[in-house]
């Protein structure tokens, strides 16, 4: 979808219509899920799930292509943070929302989400027209479609950071809390990570605007690694909550600033490819975590012990790579500055 968005965006006014059309198809498939499930036809249900998952990717890279093409460079970090704010908010609210909707008709959330998403996405067409109108020219200036040589190692760092997040939150967090808290407290403690994600992500946008996406991403990844280490080492519930908050904040900094960094690296007509690759590798990290659970690898004591330290290693290695890329960027920029 990112590569397609790069091509479609070269024709003024086409990107918003493409995103809306695919999103409406996604909403339609999502809306049918609770109605197809009781029919007892697994093939139909799986087809709808697959269609919904594939078409949902239209909401990832294309909107960021608009940001990269039409927004001033200084505004990209703040706009990226705003666009990702809902992700953290959803993660923080969803456990409480699940409790509140436990006795409601299960079809109601599907209907509300589909209608709300369709209405919100329709605004992309208006946004694209407005951005084109406010741009310096009637259409963005064409730029050579080249690949930044740092893109490969950037993607490696993203994969490592994404793997650190998946293992830390999905596999380790509940186990860490279970050692120090009662089972009935988990539903209130798990969202602490996402609260930290939201609280620290927006202020980090100001740092990204000043120091750049690579600098903030490397700092956030290293902070998350230290917080993950503290969460593993502590034997106090209050300290664990603090470490989880900081780890969530570090991950929020990483996610927001890597989007800004991807837009900067792809600011040669490849904004969609770079942001699409970013989200694709985060999905690969999620797939690896699902594979661990599907194969029940975490049941092996040796692998379980390794998974405990994986976030520390993955976040730390990702942060170091991003820090090295920051040094490479400065070396590249030095001759031009001179």
Protein backbone atom coordinates (compact mmCIF):
# COMPACT_ATOMS: atom_id res chain seq x y z
CA UNK A 1 0.00 0.00 0.00
CA UNK A 2 2.88 2.37 0.68
CA UNK A 3 4.40 1.75 -2.75
CA UNK A 4 0.98 2.13 -4.37
CA UNK A 5 0.42 5.37 -2.48
CA UNK A 6 3.70 6.75 -3.86
CA UNK A 7 2.53 6.04 -7.41
CA UNK A 8 -1.06 7.21 -6.96
CA UNK A 9 -0.05 10.40 -5.16
CA UNK A 10 1.74 11.60 -8.29
CA UNK A 11 -1.74 12.20 -9.75
CA UNK A 12 -3.25 15.11 -7.84
CA UNK A 13 -6.38 14.29 -5.87
CA UNK A 14 -6.26 10.50 -6.35
CA UNK A 15 -4.79 9.30 -3.04
CA UNK A 16 -7.74 10.25 -0.83
CA UNK A 17 -10.24 8.49 -3.10
CA UNK A 18 -8.11 5.32 -3.13
CA UNK A 19 -7.85 5.25 0.66
CA UNK A 20 -11.59 5.85 1.11
CA UNK A 21 -12.57 3.11 -1.36
CA UNK A 22 -10.35 0.49 0.29
CA UNK A 23 -11.43 1.61 3.77
CA UNK A 24 -15.13 1.25 2.93
CA UNK A 25 -14.41 -2.30 1.76
CA UNK A 26 -12.58 -2.93 5.05
CA UNK A 27 -15.49 -1.54 7.07
CA UNK A 28 -17.96 -3.69 5.14
CA UNK A 29 -15.93 -6.86 5.84
CA UNK A 30 -15.54 -5.92 9.51
CA UNK A 31 -19.25 -5.18 9.84
CA UNK A 32 -20.15 -8.64 8.53
CA UNK A 33 -17.87 -10.53 10.93
CA UNK A 34 -20.33 -10.94 13.84
CA UNK A 35 -23.09 -11.94 11.42
CA UNK A 36 -20.97 -14.53 9.61
CA UNK A 37 -19.63 -16.19 12.76
CA UNK A 38 -22.92 -17.72 14.02
CA UNK A 39 -23.61 -19.27 10.60
CA UNK A 40 -21.02 -21.95 11.25
CA UNK A 41 -19.18 -21.45 7.94
CA UNK A 42 -15.48 -21.19 8.84
CA UNK A 43 -14.45 -20.44 5.24
CA UNK A 44 -16.71 -17.37 5.09
CA UNK A 45 -15.53 -16.07 8.44
CA UNK A 46 -11.85 -16.57 7.59
CA UNK A 47 -12.36 -14.90 4.19
CA UNK A 48 -13.90 -11.84 5.83
CA UNK A 49 -11.11 -11.69 8.43
CA UNK A 50 -8.48 -11.89 5.67
CA UNK A 51 -10.24 -9.23 3.57
CA UNK A 52 -10.57 -6.94 6.59
CA UNK A 53 -6.92 -7.39 7.60
CA UNK A 54 -5.58 -6.75 4.09
CA UNK A 55 -7.74 -3.69 3.40
CA UNK A 56 -7.03 -2.22 6.85
CA UNK A 57 -3.46 -1.63 5.68
CA UNK A 58 -4.83 1.25 3.59
CA UNK A 59 -4.97 3.28 6.79
CA UNK A 60 -1.25 2.90 7.49
CA UNK A 61 1.15 4.40 4.98
CA UNK A 62 -1.05 6.54 2.65
CA UNK A 63 -2.04 9.20 5.21
CA UNK A 64 1.63 9.63 6.11
CA UNK A 65 2.38 10.10 2.42
CA UNK A 66 0.13 13.16 2.53
CA UNK A 67 2.03 14.41 5.58
CA UNK A 68 5.38 13.91 3.89
CA UNK A 69 4.33 15.53 0.61
CA UNK A 70 2.44 18.59 1.80
CA UNK A 71 3.42 19.37 5.41
CA UNK A 72 6.40 21.56 6.34
CA UNK A 73 9.30 19.48 7.62
CA UNK A 74 9.14 21.17 11.02
CA UNK A 75 5.48 20.15 11.44
CA UNK A 76 5.93 16.45 10.60
CA UNK A 77 6.92 15.26 14.13
CA UNK A 78 3.92 16.95 15.77
CA UNK A 79 1.49 15.71 13.11
CA UNK A 80 2.94 12.20 13.33
CA UNK A 81 2.51 12.23 17.11
CA UNK A 82 -1.11 13.34 16.75
CA UNK A 83 -1.84 10.64 14.21
CA UNK A 84 -0.39 7.97 16.50
CA UNK A 85 -2.01 9.35 19.65
CA UNK A 86 -5.15 7.33 19.00
CA UNK A 87 -3.14 4.11 18.90
CA UNK A 88 -1.88 4.60 22.43
CA UNK A 89 -5.25 5.90 23.61
CA UNK A 90 -6.94 2.78 22.27
CA UNK A 91 -4.42 0.56 24.02
CA UNK A 92 -5.01 2.35 27.32
CA UNK A 93 -8.80 2.46 27.10
CA UNK A 94 -9.53 -0.93 25.55
CA UNK A 95 -9.30 -3.00 28.77
CA UNK A 96 -11.72 -0.66 30.55
CA UNK A 97 -13.98 -0.51 27.49
CA UNK A 98 -14.07 -4.30 27.39
CA UNK A 99 -15.30 -4.36 30.97
CA UNK A 100 -17.95 -1.73 30.24
CA UNK A 101 -19.27 -3.54 27.14
CA UNK A 102 -19.18 -7.01 28.64
CA UNK A 103 -22.97 -7.24 28.86
CA UNK A 104 -23.79 -5.41 25.60
CA UNK A 105 -24.73 -6.88 22.23
CA UNK A 106 -21.38 -7.99 20.73
CA UNK A 107 -22.45 -6.69 17.32
CA UNK A 108 -22.70 -3.12 18.61
CA UNK A 109 -18.93 -2.40 18.69
CA UNK A 110 -18.56 -3.73 15.14
CA UNK A 111 -21.30 -1.43 13.86
CA UNK A 112 -20.09 1.62 15.77
CA UNK A 113 -16.45 1.11 14.74
CA UNK A 114 -17.31 0.58 11.06
CA UNK A 115 -19.56 3.64 10.78
CA UNK A 116 -17.15 5.85 12.74
CA UNK A 117 -14.13 4.75 10.70
CA UNK A 118 -15.92 5.29 7.38
CA UNK A 119 -16.95 8.82 8.38
CA UNK A 120 -13.48 9.71 9.67
CA UNK A 121 -11.66 8.36 6.62
CA UNK A 122 -13.90 10.28 4.25
CA UNK A 123 -12.19 13.39 5.58
CA UNK A 124 -8.97 12.35 3.82
CA UNK A 125 -10.42 13.48 0.48
CA UNK A 126 -11.14 16.92 1.93
CA UNK A 127 -7.71 17.02 3.57
CA UNK A 128 -5.90 16.19 0.35
CA UNK A 129 -7.75 18.90 -1.58
CA UNK A 130 -7.08 21.40 1.20
CA UNK A 131 -3.40 20.54 1.40
CA UNK A 132 -2.97 20.77 -2.36
CA UNK A 133 -4.70 24.14 -2.36
CA UNK A 134 -2.45 25.49 0.39
CA UNK A 135 0.75 24.15 -1.15
CA UNK A 136 3.12 26.54 -2.85
CA UNK A 137 2.20 25.10 -6.24
CA UNK A 138 -0.82 23.33 -7.62
CA UNK A 139 0.97 19.98 -7.19
CA UNK A 140 4.07 18.97 -5.24
CA UNK A 141 7.35 19.36 -7.03
CA UNK A 142 8.60 16.10 -8.43
CA UNK A 143 11.59 14.65 -6.65
CA UNK A 144 13.95 11.93 -7.81
CA UNK A 145 12.80 8.53 -6.58
CA UNK A 146 15.96 7.34 -4.84
CA UNK A 147 16.66 5.11 -1.89
CA UNK A 148 18.51 6.45 1.14
CA UNK A 149 21.51 4.15 1.85
CA UNK A 150 20.59 4.16 5.55
CA UNK A 151 17.16 2.64 4.91
CA UNK A 152 18.29 -0.99 5.35
CA UNK A 153 19.79 -0.48 8.81
CA UNK A 154 16.86 1.72 9.75
CA UNK A 155 14.54 -1.19 9.01
CA UNK A 156 16.76 -3.56 11.01
CA UNK A 157 16.51 -1.22 14.00
CA UNK A 158 12.73 -0.95 13.57
CA UNK A 159 12.37 -4.73 13.53
CA UNK A 160 14.46 -5.07 16.69
CA UNK A 161 12.51 -2.31 18.48
CA UNK A 162 9.20 -3.83 17.38
CA UNK A 163 10.29 -7.25 18.61
CA UNK A 164 11.27 -5.73 21.94
CA UNK A 165 7.82 -4.18 22.27
CA UNK A 166 5.97 -7.37 21.32
CA UNK A 167 7.88 -9.58 23.75
CA UNK A 168 7.86 -7.06 26.58
CA UNK A 169 4.18 -6.18 26.52
CA UNK A 170 2.49 -9.30 25.14
CA UNK A 171 4.61 -11.98 26.80
CA UNK A 172 6.43 -10.51 29.80
CA UNK A 173 4.28 -7.76 31.30
CA UNK A 174 1.48 -9.92 32.70
CA UNK A 175 3.98 -12.43 34.11
CA UNK A 176 5.92 -9.66 35.83
CA UNK A 177 2.76 -8.26 37.40
CA UNK A 178 1.57 -11.71 38.47
CA UNK A 179 4.63 -12.09 40.69
CA UNK A 180 3.78 -8.94 42.65
CA UNK A 181 0.03 -8.27 42.26
CA UNK A 182 -3.27 -10.05 42.73
CA UNK A 183 -4.97 -11.49 39.62
CA UNK A 184 -7.89 -9.06 39.90
CA UNK A 185 -5.46 -6.11 39.69
CA UNK A 186 -4.08 -7.04 36.28
CA UNK A 187 -6.88 -5.40 34.29
CA UNK A 188 -6.00 -2.08 35.92
CA UNK A 189 -2.21 -2.48 35.80
CA UNK A 190 -1.79 -3.60 32.18
CA UNK A 191 -2.85 -0.21 30.67
CA UNK A 192 -0.05 1.60 32.58
CA UNK A 193 2.26 0.88 29.64
CA UNK A 194 -0.12 2.63 27.23
CA UNK A 195 -0.65 5.53 29.60
CA UNK A 196 3.10 6.12 29.50
CA UNK A 197 2.95 5.73 25.72
CA UNK A 198 0.47 8.60 25.43
CA UNK A 199 1.89 10.88 28.10
CA UNK A 200 5.46 10.91 26.77
CA UNK A 201 4.81 10.57 23.04
CA UNK A 202 3.38 14.05 22.50
CA UNK A 203 6.16 15.94 24.36
CA UNK A 204 8.69 13.84 22.44
CA UNK A 205 7.36 15.36 19.22
CA UNK A 206 8.92 18.67 20.28
CA UNK A 207 12.26 16.93 20.77
CA UNK A 208 11.90 15.26 17.37
CA UNK A 209 11.27 18.62 15.78
CA UNK A 210 14.49 19.97 17.30
CA UNK A 211 16.85 16.99 17.21
CA UNK A 212 15.38 14.79 14.47
CA UNK A 213 13.60 11.45 14.35
CA UNK A 214 16.71 9.26 14.54
CA UNK A 215 17.98 10.99 17.69
CA UNK A 216 14.69 10.68 19.58
CA UNK A 217 14.10 7.13 18.34
CA UNK A 218 17.51 5.99 19.56
CA UNK A 219 17.00 7.69 22.93
CA UNK A 220 13.50 6.22 23.30
CA UNK A 221 14.69 2.72 22.44
CA UNK A 222 17.56 2.89 24.93
CA UNK A 223 15.26 4.29 27.65
CA UNK A 224 12.78 1.46 26.99
CA UNK A 225 15.64 -1.06 27.27
CA UNK A 226 16.69 0.33 30.66
CA UNK A 227 13.07 0.39 31.88
CA UNK A 228 12.57 -3.19 30.73
CA UNK A 229 15.69 -4.20 32.64
CA UNK A 230 14.37 -2.44 35.73
CA UNK A 231 11.00 -4.19 35.38
CA UNK A 232 12.72 -7.58 35.32
CA UNK A 233 15.00 -6.80 38.26
CA UNK A 234 12.56 -5.10 40.65
CA UNK A 235 10.68 -6.87 43.43
CA UNK A 236 8.42 -3.94 44.31
CA UNK A 237 5.01 -3.39 42.69
CA UNK A 238 5.23 0.40 42.77
CA UNK A 239 8.63 0.33 41.09
CA UNK A 240 7.32 -2.10 38.49
CA UNK A 241 4.46 0.27 37.66
CA UNK A 242 6.95 3.12 37.23
CA UNK A 243 9.20 1.03 34.97
CA UNK A 244 6.20 -0.02 32.86
CA UNK A 245 5.16 3.61 32.51
CA UNK A 246 8.67 4.59 31.39
CA UNK A 247 8.91 1.63 29.00
CA UNK A 248 5.60 2.64 27.43
CA UNK A 249 6.83 6.20 27.11
CA UNK A 250 10.05 5.03 25.50
CA UNK A 251 8.12 2.93 23.00
CA UNK A 252 5.86 5.91 22.26
CA UNK A 253 8.94 8.00 21.50
CA UNK A 254 10.29 5.25 19.22
CA UNK A 255 7.07 4.78 17.28
CA UNK A 256 6.37 8.48 16.78
CA UNK A 257 9.94 9.45 15.89
CA UNK A 258 10.55 6.51 13.56
CA UNK A 259 7.55 7.62 11.52
CA UNK A 260 9.10 11.09 11.29
CA UNK A 261 12.47 9.50 10.43
CA UNK A 262 10.87 7.30 7.74
CA UNK A 263 9.26 10.36 6.16
CA UNK A 264 12.61 12.16 6.23
CA UNK A 265 14.50 9.20 4.73
CA UNK A 266 11.79 8.80 2.09
CA UNK A 267 11.60 12.51 1.26
CA UNK A 268 12.62 11.71 -2.30
CA UNK A 269 9.27 10.45 -3.57
CA UNK A 270 9.38 7.27 -1.45
CA UNK A 271 7.50 8.38 1.65
CA UNK A 272 4.99 5.56 1.16
CA UNK A 273 7.62 2.88 0.72
CA UNK A 274 9.52 3.89 3.85
CA UNK A 275 6.45 4.29 6.09
CA UNK A 276 4.87 1.19 4.59
CA UNK A 277 8.06 -0.74 5.29
CA UNK A 278 8.06 0.60 8.84
CA UNK A 279 4.57 -0.71 9.58
CA UNK A 280 5.23 -3.95 7.70
CA UNK A 281 8.24 -4.74 9.87
CA UNK A 282 6.25 -3.94 13.01
CA UNK A 283 3.74 -6.50 11.74
CA UNK A 284 6.57 -9.00 11.21
CA UNK A 285 7.56 -8.49 14.85
CA UNK A 286 3.97 -9.20 15.89
CA UNK A 287 3.96 -12.30 13.67
CA UNK A 288 7.11 -13.59 15.37
CA UNK A 289 5.50 -13.11 18.78
CA UNK A 290 2.39 -14.98 17.60
CA UNK A 291 4.67 -17.76 16.34
CA UNK A 292 6.26 -18.08 19.77
CA UNK A 293 2.82 -18.50 21.34
CA UNK A 294 1.53 -20.81 18.61
CA UNK A 295 4.51 -23.14 19.03
CA UNK A 296 4.29 -22.77 22.83
CA UNK A 297 7.97 -21.95 22.91
CA UNK A 298 7.45 -19.83 26.02
CA UNK A 299 6.57 -23.02 27.90
CA UNK A 300 10.17 -24.18 27.62
CA UNK A 301 12.03 -22.92 30.74
CA UNK A 302 15.19 -22.10 28.80
CA UNK A 303 13.36 -20.13 26.08
CA UNK A 304 11.14 -18.47 28.70
CA UNK A 305 14.26 -17.23 30.48
CA UNK A 306 15.63 -15.95 27.16
CA UNK A 307 12.36 -14.13 26.40
CA UNK A 308 12.60 -12.36 29.74
CA UNK A 309 15.78 -10.60 28.57
CA UNK A 310 14.87 -10.28 24.88
CA UNK A 311 13.27 -6.80 25.19
CA UNK A 312 16.37 -5.46 26.92
CA UNK A 313 18.61 -6.81 24.15
CA UNK A 314 16.30 -5.95 21.23
CA UNK A 315 15.48 -2.41 22.38
CA UNK A 316 19.12 -1.80 23.30
CA UNK A 317 20.46 -3.07 19.96
CA UNK A 318 17.85 -1.11 18.03
CA UNK A 319 18.77 2.05 19.92
CA UNK A 320 22.48 1.58 19.21
CA UNK A 321 21.85 1.08 15.47
CA UNK A 322 19.70 4.21 15.32
CA UNK A 323 22.40 6.12 17.18
CA UNK A 324 24.97 4.97 14.63
CA UNK A 325 22.69 6.06 11.78
CA UNK A 326 22.49 9.47 13.41
CA UNK A 327 26.28 9.70 13.22
CA UNK A 328 26.22 8.61 9.57
CA UNK A 329 23.66 11.31 8.79
CA UNK A 330 25.88 13.99 10.33
CA UNK A 331 28.86 12.79 8.28
CA UNK A 332 26.77 12.96 5.11
CA UNK A 333 25.50 16.44 5.96
CA UNK A 334 28.92 17.82 6.94
CA UNK A 335 30.26 18.52 3.40
CA UNK A 336 27.02 20.28 2.42
CA UNK A 337 27.18 22.43 5.55
CA UNK A 338 30.79 23.33 4.91
